[in-house]
Amino acid sequence: MKFLKKLIKILVVFFGLLIAILYITDTDYLLKAVRTIYMRGHTTAYLEDYRHFDNQNIEVSNNPQAWPNHKAYNSVTETERLSKANKNWGSIAYVIIKNDSVWFENYYDGFNEDSKSNSFSMAKSYVSGLMGKAIMQGHIKSLDQPVCDFLPAFCDGTAAKMKVGDLSSMASGTNWDEAYYSPLSITTRAYFDDDLAKVMNGLKVVNEPGTAYKYASGDTQMLAMVIEKATGKPLYEYFEESFWKPLGSENETLWQVDSEDHDLVKAYCCIASNAKDFARFGKLYKDHGKWNGKQILDSAFIAKSVVPRFPESPEYGYGWWLKKHLGKNFFMMRGHLGQYVFVQPEDNVIIVRLGHQKSPDNLDAKPFTDDISLYIEEGYKMLEK
């Protein structure tokens, strides 16, 4: 018994010292990481982790607009290759929308058409769209307005050259390190820290802004801060009034915030919604910013968004991924673990895939994992039957 008491005292002292060290070294965000992710058996963020974070509620549309079912709705089964991929990589939703009607839909692993799951970086497309909306409404002058006009931390030296459009096109030149699985990376800190603005304002501009693409979630987070300063509204409110309600979303959604005290959305990720409501934003861009005949977003801005900004980086525009496949040009929303909204305007096709993981490819050598091609190819095979 004495040994047990002594052991307990040692453990209490050890963990007390450990926690103190985390606070002293400003790495106490790791406590939230352990509580919300690691102690639940995960090594990275996962689809339903929103349940364990602070969120802001985004209300359902005042005029919900259900997607109609296509006359050939679910008349074709999944190809064998697609079925195998959905099983092996843990898909929870696979939806094909043709001519603005649901042509095929299937859900897996206990999820259904209304189940919420984490968008991860698909949120970046929404934030870029909100930048376009702020420009359209005159809150931001143009893509070329200096970030310094909104964020004083970026007014000195090379940082003063950074433009608002550089944030949407991933060309800020900051020292952001996009590392998802390192507990000490700034990406991990941003996911768990309770003061995101402080984290962002500590970034340094180390390369000439506006000259080259480098994927950085911090760029989108800074863009959100710019939009909030420009509009005078929390980003989740601006999102609700600009897109979520006007696009007839059928379900309320949640957007994670850093904490109740600071109330800043994790803009680079973390909208909890479902496949068919995510697809609405793809339809808005497919239709050049119009929804039910009303111009929700400027068509010229959309046209600029879905072509490469930098010829050396043809995979990215302004907030959207770009891929040529099957002789067709697709633009897409894309998120961690394989969350996708693929859009092919000429064919009037939208394909949505949500799931627990993507194919285990080495992205150091290429911009896209192989599962992206598979989900597009098999969807088109089904459409051709």
Protein backbone atom coordinates (compact mmCIF):
# COMPACT_ATOMS: atom_id res chain seq x y z
CA MET A 1 0.00 0.00 0.00
CA LYS A 2 2.85 2.41 0.87
CA PHE A 3 4.46 1.64 -2.47
CA LEU A 4 1.20 2.39 -4.28
CA LYS A 5 0.79 5.72 -2.46
CA LYS A 6 4.38 6.63 -3.26
CA LEU A 7 3.85 5.74 -6.92
CA ILE A 8 0.73 7.86 -7.10
CA LYS A 9 2.58 10.82 -5.55
CA ILE A 10 5.41 10.41 -8.06
CA LEU A 11 2.96 10.31 -10.96
CA VAL A 12 1.10 13.39 -9.68
CA VAL A 13 4.37 15.31 -9.36
CA PHE A 14 5.53 14.11 -12.79
CA PHE A 15 2.36 15.15 -14.57
CA GLY A 16 2.26 18.39 -12.63
CA LEU A 17 5.77 19.21 -13.79
CA LEU A 18 4.93 18.16 -17.34
CA ILE A 19 1.91 20.45 -17.47
CA ALA A 20 3.95 23.29 -15.99
CA ILE A 21 6.64 22.80 -18.64
CA LEU A 22 4.00 22.87 -21.39
CA TYR A 23 2.69 26.21 -20.13
CA ILE A 24 6.17 27.65 -19.63
CA THR A 25 7.20 26.65 -23.16
CA ASP A 26 3.88 27.85 -24.64
CA THR A 27 3.01 24.36 -25.87
CA ASP A 28 0.01 23.83 -23.59
CA TYR A 29 -2.14 23.44 -26.71
CA LEU A 30 -0.85 19.85 -26.68
CA LEU A 31 -3.10 19.18 -23.69
CA LYS A 32 -6.13 19.80 -25.91
CA ALA A 33 -4.57 17.65 -28.62
CA VAL A 34 -4.19 14.75 -26.20
CA ARG A 35 -7.71 15.18 -24.84
CA THR A 36 -9.53 15.55 -28.15
CA ILE A 37 -7.50 13.40 -30.55
CA TYR A 38 -4.79 11.15 -29.15
CA MET A 39 -6.69 9.79 -26.14
CA ARG A 40 -9.52 8.85 -28.50
CA GLY A 41 -7.29 6.57 -30.53
CA HIS A 42 -6.49 8.93 -33.43
CA THR A 43 -3.16 10.25 -34.67
CA THR A 44 -4.64 13.21 -36.54
CA ALA A 45 -7.88 15.17 -36.85
CA TYR A 46 -10.86 13.01 -37.80
CA LEU A 47 -14.34 13.33 -39.28
CA GLU A 48 -16.35 13.74 -36.08
CA ASP A 49 -13.81 15.57 -33.93
CA TYR A 50 -15.98 18.70 -34.10
CA ARG A 51 -17.96 17.22 -31.22
CA HIS A 52 -15.01 17.90 -28.90
CA PHE A 53 -14.27 21.52 -29.88
CA ASP A 54 -15.99 24.87 -29.52
CA ASN A 55 -18.27 25.58 -32.48
CA GLN A 56 -20.50 28.34 -33.78
CA ASN A 57 -23.86 27.29 -35.14
CA ILE A 58 -24.80 28.35 -38.66
CA GLU A 59 -28.54 28.20 -39.17
CA VAL A 60 -30.39 26.33 -41.86
CA SER A 61 -31.70 28.37 -44.78
CA ASN A 62 -35.01 30.19 -44.35
CA ASN A 63 -35.93 28.61 -47.68
CA PRO A 64 -34.39 25.12 -47.79
CA GLN A 65 -34.10 23.80 -51.33
CA ALA A 66 -33.81 20.04 -51.65
CA TRP A 67 -31.86 18.64 -54.57
CA PRO A 68 -34.33 16.94 -56.91
CA ASN A 69 -33.70 13.32 -57.82
CA HIS A 70 -32.68 12.65 -61.40
CA LYS A 71 -35.05 10.54 -63.51
CA ALA A 72 -32.30 7.89 -63.50
CA TYR A 73 -31.76 8.20 -59.75
CA ASN A 74 -29.74 5.28 -58.35
CA SER A 75 -30.47 3.20 -61.45
CA VAL A 76 -26.83 2.12 -61.66
CA THR A 77 -24.77 0.39 -58.99
CA GLU A 78 -21.22 1.26 -58.04
CA THR A 79 -18.46 -0.18 -60.18
CA GLU A 80 -16.43 -2.92 -58.55
CA ARG A 81 -13.37 -0.65 -58.38
CA LEU A 82 -15.34 2.14 -56.73
CA SER A 83 -16.99 -0.21 -54.25
CA LYS A 84 -13.61 -1.59 -53.26
CA ALA A 85 -12.15 1.91 -52.84
CA ASN A 86 -15.11 3.05 -50.75
CA LYS A 87 -14.61 0.07 -48.45
CA ASN A 88 -10.81 0.20 -48.23
CA TRP A 89 -10.57 3.94 -47.68
CA GLY A 90 -13.58 4.32 -45.42
CA SER A 91 -15.92 6.40 -47.53
CA ILE A 92 -18.97 7.74 -45.71
CA ALA A 93 -20.62 9.39 -48.73
CA TYR A 94 -20.40 9.19 -52.50
CA VAL A 95 -22.79 11.37 -54.50
CA ILE A 96 -23.08 12.17 -58.20
CA ILE A 97 -25.13 15.21 -59.22
CA LYS A 98 -25.98 15.47 -62.93
CA ASN A 99 -27.83 18.46 -64.42
CA ASP A 100 -28.48 19.75 -60.89
CA SER A 101 -30.27 16.55 -59.87
CA VAL A 102 -29.04 13.74 -57.64
CA TRP A 103 -28.15 10.97 -60.07
CA PHE A 104 -26.56 8.62 -57.54
CA GLU A 105 -25.99 8.62 -53.80
CA ASN A 106 -24.74 6.13 -51.27
CA TYR A 107 -23.71 6.38 -47.63
CA TYR A 108 -21.59 4.07 -45.49
CA ASP A 109 -20.34 3.27 -42.00
CA GLY A 110 -23.55 4.38 -40.29
CA PHE A 111 -23.60 7.83 -41.90
CA ASN A 112 -26.59 9.13 -43.88
CA GLU A 113 -27.44 12.08 -46.10
CA ASP A 114 -27.83 14.42 -43.12
CA SER A 115 -24.84 13.25 -41.06
CA LYS A 116 -22.29 15.91 -40.21
CA SER A 117 -18.59 15.38 -40.87
CA ASN A 118 -15.55 17.64 -40.92
CA SER A 119 -14.91 19.47 -44.20
CA PHE A 120 -11.26 19.98 -43.32
CA SER A 121 -9.63 22.13 -46.04
CA MET A 122 -12.69 22.21 -48.29
CA ALA A 123 -13.47 25.21 -46.08
CA LYS A 124 -10.72 27.12 -47.88
CA SER A 125 -12.89 27.37 -50.99
CA TYR A 126 -15.66 28.96 -48.93
CA VAL A 127 -13.27 31.49 -47.39
CA SER A 128 -11.93 32.45 -50.82
CA GLY A 129 -15.52 32.88 -51.95
CA LEU A 130 -16.19 35.11 -48.95
CA MET A 131 -13.23 37.25 -50.03
CA GLY A 132 -14.89 37.55 -53.45
CA LYS A 133 -18.15 38.49 -51.77
CA ALA A 134 -16.40 41.16 -49.67
CA ILE A 135 -14.85 42.61 -52.84
CA MET A 136 -18.23 42.48 -54.60
CA GLN A 137 -19.81 44.42 -51.70
CA GLY A 138 -16.98 46.96 -51.49
CA HIS A 139 -15.61 45.90 -48.10
CA ILE A 140 -12.30 45.00 -49.78
CA LYS A 141 -11.09 47.13 -52.70
CA SER A 142 -9.60 44.34 -54.81
CA LEU A 143 -7.33 41.33 -54.78
CA ASP A 144 -4.45 43.80 -54.78
CA GLN A 145 -5.33 45.60 -51.55
CA PRO A 146 -2.46 45.27 -49.03
CA VAL A 147 -3.00 42.88 -46.14
CA CYS A 148 -1.40 45.59 -44.00
CA ASP A 149 -4.61 47.64 -44.35
CA PHE A 150 -6.31 45.05 -42.15
CA LEU A 151 -3.56 43.27 -40.18
CA PRO A 152 -0.97 45.64 -38.66
CA ALA A 153 1.39 42.74 -37.87
CA PHE A 154 2.17 42.57 -41.59
CA CYS A 155 3.12 46.15 -42.33
CA ASP A 156 6.90 46.00 -42.07
CA GLY A 157 9.52 45.13 -44.66
CA THR A 158 8.66 42.43 -47.17
CA ALA A 159 5.38 41.68 -45.37
CA ALA A 160 4.03 45.06 -46.49
CA LYS A 161 4.06 43.77 -50.09
CA MET A 162 1.56 41.01 -49.29
CA LYS A 163 -1.80 41.46 -51.04
CA VAL A 164 -5.20 40.05 -50.11
CA GLY A 165 -5.22 37.89 -53.25
CA ASP A 166 -1.89 36.35 -52.23
CA LEU A 167 -3.64 34.76 -49.26
CA SER A 168 -6.34 33.13 -51.39
CA SER A 169 -3.83 31.84 -53.95
CA MET A 170 -1.36 30.51 -51.36
CA ALA A 171 1.39 32.98 -52.18
CA SER A 172 1.93 34.85 -48.91
CA GLY A 173 5.60 33.97 -48.59
CA THR A 174 5.28 33.21 -44.86
CA ASN A 175 7.20 30.61 -42.90
CA TRP A 176 4.10 28.46 -42.31
CA ASP A 177 4.93 24.74 -42.14
CA GLU A 178 2.14 22.46 -43.42
CA ALA A 179 2.79 19.40 -41.25
CA TYR A 180 -0.30 17.52 -40.04
CA TYR A 181 1.26 14.73 -38.01
CA SER A 182 3.95 16.61 -36.08
CA PRO A 183 2.67 17.66 -32.64
CA LEU A 184 5.03 20.65 -32.61
CA SER A 185 4.23 22.08 -36.06
CA ILE A 186 2.40 25.37 -36.43
CA THR A 187 -0.38 23.50 -38.25
CA THR A 188 -0.98 21.40 -35.14
CA ARG A 189 -0.73 24.46 -32.90
CA ALA A 190 -3.31 26.30 -34.99
CA TYR A 191 -5.72 23.36 -34.72
CA PHE A 192 -5.60 23.25 -30.93
CA ASP A 193 -4.50 26.70 -29.73
CA ASP A 194 -7.21 28.80 -28.09
CA ASP A 195 -5.92 32.08 -29.59
CA LEU A 196 -5.53 31.69 -33.34
CA ALA A 197 -5.01 35.38 -34.02
CA LYS A 198 -1.94 35.36 -31.78
CA VAL A 199 -0.55 32.37 -33.70
CA MET A 200 -1.15 34.01 -37.07
CA ASN A 201 0.30 37.37 -36.06
CA GLY A 202 3.50 35.58 -35.10
CA LEU A 203 4.16 34.40 -38.66
CA LYS A 204 7.12 35.84 -40.55
CA VAL A 205 7.27 36.63 -44.25
CA VAL A 206 10.43 34.97 -45.50
CA ASN A 207 9.85 34.99 -49.27
CA GLU A 208 8.62 37.63 -51.71
CA PRO A 209 4.79 37.60 -51.54
CA GLY A 210 2.81 37.09 -54.72
CA THR A 211 5.54 35.36 -56.68
CA ALA A 212 5.01 31.63 -56.12
CA TYR A 213 2.50 29.09 -54.83
CA LYS A 214 3.16 27.27 -51.56
CA TYR A 215 0.26 25.49 -49.90
CA ALA A 216 -0.22 26.99 -46.44
CA SER A 217 -3.32 26.74 -44.27
CA GLY A 218 -2.12 29.85 -42.46
CA ASP A 219 -2.80 31.91 -45.58
CA THR A 220 -6.50 31.07 -45.36
CA GLN A 221 -6.59 31.80 -41.65
CA MET A 222 -5.04 35.22 -42.26
CA LEU A 223 -7.56 35.80 -45.06
CA ALA A 224 -10.39 35.11 -42.61
CA MET A 225 -8.98 37.73 -40.26
CA VAL A 226 -8.81 40.19 -43.15
CA ILE A 227 -12.44 39.52 -44.08
CA GLU A 228 -13.60 39.93 -40.49
CA LYS A 229 -11.78 43.25 -40.21
CA ALA A 230 -13.13 44.41 -43.58
CA THR A 231 -16.77 43.47 -42.94
CA GLY A 232 -16.91 44.07 -39.20
CA LYS A 233 -18.57 40.66 -38.76
CA PRO A 234 -17.48 37.28 -37.43
CA LEU A 235 -16.71 35.06 -40.40
CA TYR A 236 -19.36 32.50 -39.45
CA GLU A 237 -22.04 35.21 -39.56
CA TYR A 238 -20.82 36.52 -42.90
CA PHE A 239 -20.76 32.94 -44.22
CA GLU A 240 -24.30 32.29 -43.05
CA GLU A 241 -25.74 35.41 -44.68
CA SER A 242 -23.61 35.27 -47.84
CA PHE A 243 -23.76 31.59 -48.79
CA TRP A 244 -25.27 29.10 -46.36
CA LYS A 245 -28.77 30.57 -46.26
CA PRO A 246 -28.93 31.98 -49.82
CA LEU A 247 -27.91 28.61 -51.30
CA GLY A 248 -30.89 26.89 -49.67
CA SER A 249 -28.91 24.63 -47.34
CA GLU A 250 -31.13 21.97 -45.80
CA ASN A 251 -29.17 21.45 -42.61
CA GLU A 252 -27.70 23.71 -40.00
CA THR A 253 -23.95 23.46 -39.80
CA LEU A 254 -21.14 24.10 -37.35
CA TRP A 255 -17.88 25.94 -37.80
CA GLN A 256 -15.17 25.29 -35.23
CA VAL A 257 -13.74 28.29 -33.41
CA ASP A 258 -10.50 28.54 -31.48
CA SER A 259 -12.28 29.17 -28.16
CA GLU A 260 -15.37 30.79 -26.70
CA ASP A 261 -13.25 33.72 -25.53
CA HIS A 262 -11.61 34.58 -28.86
CA ASP A 263 -14.36 33.26 -31.17
CA LEU A 264 -12.24 33.09 -34.33
CA VAL A 265 -13.19 30.35 -36.80
CA LYS A 266 -10.64 27.79 -37.89
CA ALA A 267 -11.02 29.19 -41.36
CA TYR A 268 -8.64 26.79 -43.06
CA CYS A 269 -10.83 23.85 -42.04
CA CYS A 270 -13.58 22.52 -39.90
CA ILE A 271 -17.08 23.11 -41.22
CA ALA A 272 -19.24 20.19 -40.10
CA SER A 273 -21.80 19.43 -42.79
CA ASN A 274 -22.92 16.80 -45.31
CA ALA A 275 -22.28 15.85 -48.93
CA LYS A 276 -25.30 17.46 -50.58
CA ASP A 277 -24.99 20.76 -48.71
CA PHE A 278 -21.27 20.89 -49.51
CA ALA A 279 -22.17 20.34 -53.18
CA ARG A 280 -24.14 23.59 -53.29
CA PHE A 281 -20.98 25.66 -53.34
CA GLY A 282 -19.71 23.64 -56.31
CA LYS A 283 -22.97 24.40 -58.11
CA LEU A 284 -22.63 28.12 -57.38
CA TYR A 285 -19.20 28.19 -59.03
CA LYS A 286 -20.36 25.94 -61.87
CA ASP A 287 -23.16 28.41 -62.57
CA HIS A 288 -20.84 31.45 -62.58
CA GLY A 289 -22.08 32.78 -59.24
CA LYS A 290 -25.81 32.64 -59.93
CA TRP A 291 -28.36 30.87 -57.75
CA ASN A 292 -32.00 30.77 -58.82
CA GLY A 293 -31.29 33.64 -61.20
CA LYS A 294 -29.70 35.88 -58.57
CA GLN A 295 -26.04 36.86 -58.81
CA ILE A 296 -24.68 35.72 -55.44
CA LEU A 297 -21.00 36.01 -56.39
CA ASP A 298 -19.26 37.95 -59.15
CA SER A 299 -18.79 35.80 -62.27
CA ALA A 300 -15.48 37.46 -63.21
CA PHE A 301 -14.10 36.60 -59.79
CA ILE A 302 -15.18 32.97 -60.19
CA ALA A 303 -13.61 32.76 -63.65
CA LYS A 304 -10.33 33.99 -62.20
CA SER A 305 -10.57 31.58 -59.26
CA VAL A 306 -10.75 28.37 -61.30
CA VAL A 307 -7.69 28.87 -63.48
CA PRO A 308 -4.07 28.76 -62.26
CA ARG A 309 -2.58 31.97 -60.93
CA PHE A 310 0.97 30.72 -61.50
CA PRO A 311 1.84 28.73 -64.65
CA GLU A 312 4.43 26.82 -62.62
CA SER A 313 1.65 25.59 -60.30
CA PRO A 314 -1.28 24.61 -62.53
CA GLU A 315 -2.94 22.71 -59.68
CA TYR A 316 -4.22 25.78 -57.82
CA GLY A 317 -6.18 28.94 -58.51
CA TYR A 318 -7.82 31.15 -55.87
CA GLY A 319 -9.12 28.79 -53.19
CA TRP A 320 -9.79 25.92 -55.61
CA TRP A 321 -7.78 22.92 -56.77
CA LEU A 322 -7.52 22.36 -60.52
CA LYS A 323 -7.00 19.08 -62.33
CA LYS A 324 -7.19 18.00 -65.95
CA HIS A 325 -8.39 14.41 -66.21
CA LEU A 326 -10.16 12.30 -68.84
CA GLY A 327 -9.52 15.20 -71.22
CA LYS A 328 -11.69 17.45 -69.04
CA ASN A 329 -10.93 20.36 -66.71
CA PHE A 330 -12.14 19.85 -63.15
CA PHE A 331 -12.04 22.27 -60.27
CA MET A 332 -12.45 20.97 -56.76
CA MET A 333 -12.84 21.57 -53.07
CA ARG A 334 -10.40 19.31 -51.25
CA GLY A 335 -9.78 18.39 -47.62
CA HIS A 336 -7.64 16.25 -45.32
CA LEU A 337 -8.33 12.48 -45.38
CA GLY A 338 -10.06 12.68 -48.76
CA GLN A 339 -12.97 15.12 -48.59
CA TYR A 340 -13.80 16.19 -52.17
CA VAL A 341 -16.26 18.15 -54.26
CA PHE A 342 -15.34 17.72 -57.95
CA VAL A 343 -16.95 20.05 -60.50
CA GLN A 344 -17.02 19.63 -64.29
CA PRO A 345 -19.04 22.56 -65.69
CA GLU A 346 -19.30 21.50 -69.35
CA ASP A 347 -20.79 18.12 -68.40
CA ASN A 348 -22.86 19.72 -65.62
CA VAL A 349 -21.51 17.12 -63.20
CA ILE A 350 -20.64 17.39 -59.49
CA ILE A 351 -19.16 14.43 -57.60
CA VAL A 352 -18.81 14.45 -53.81
CA ARG A 353 -16.78 11.97 -51.79
CA LEU A 354 -16.39 12.14 -48.01
CA GLY A 355 -14.49 9.62 -45.91
CA HIS A 356 -12.07 8.55 -43.21
CA GLN A 357 -8.94 8.33 -45.35
CA LYS A 358 -7.48 8.79 -48.82
CA SER A 359 -5.12 6.62 -50.83
CA PRO A 360 -1.67 6.39 -49.19
CA ASP A 361 0.34 8.14 -51.91
CA ASN A 362 3.50 10.22 -51.58
CA LEU A 363 2.44 13.80 -52.20
CA ASP A 364 6.02 15.03 -52.15
CA ALA A 365 6.30 13.92 -55.77
CA LYS A 366 2.87 14.98 -57.08
CA PRO A 367 0.05 17.35 -56.19
CA PHE A 368 -2.82 14.80 -56.17
CA THR A 369 -3.35 11.40 -54.57
CA ASP A 370 -4.52 8.57 -56.84
CA ASP A 371 -7.92 8.28 -55.19
CA ILE A 372 -8.94 11.58 -56.79
CA SER A 373 -8.58 10.14 -60.28
CA LEU A 374 -10.37 6.97 -59.20
CA TYR A 375 -13.44 8.74 -57.82
CA ILE A 376 -13.74 10.77 -61.03
CA GLU A 377 -13.10 7.86 -63.39
CA GLU A 378 -15.53 5.46 -61.73
CA GLY A 379 -18.22 8.13 -61.47
CA TYR A 380 -17.98 8.74 -65.20
CA LYS A 381 -18.06 5.01 -65.91
CA MET A 382 -21.32 4.84 -63.98
CA LEU A 383 -22.73 7.83 -65.88
CA GLU A 384 -21.91 6.15 -69.19
CA LYS A 385 -23.83 2.95 -68.41
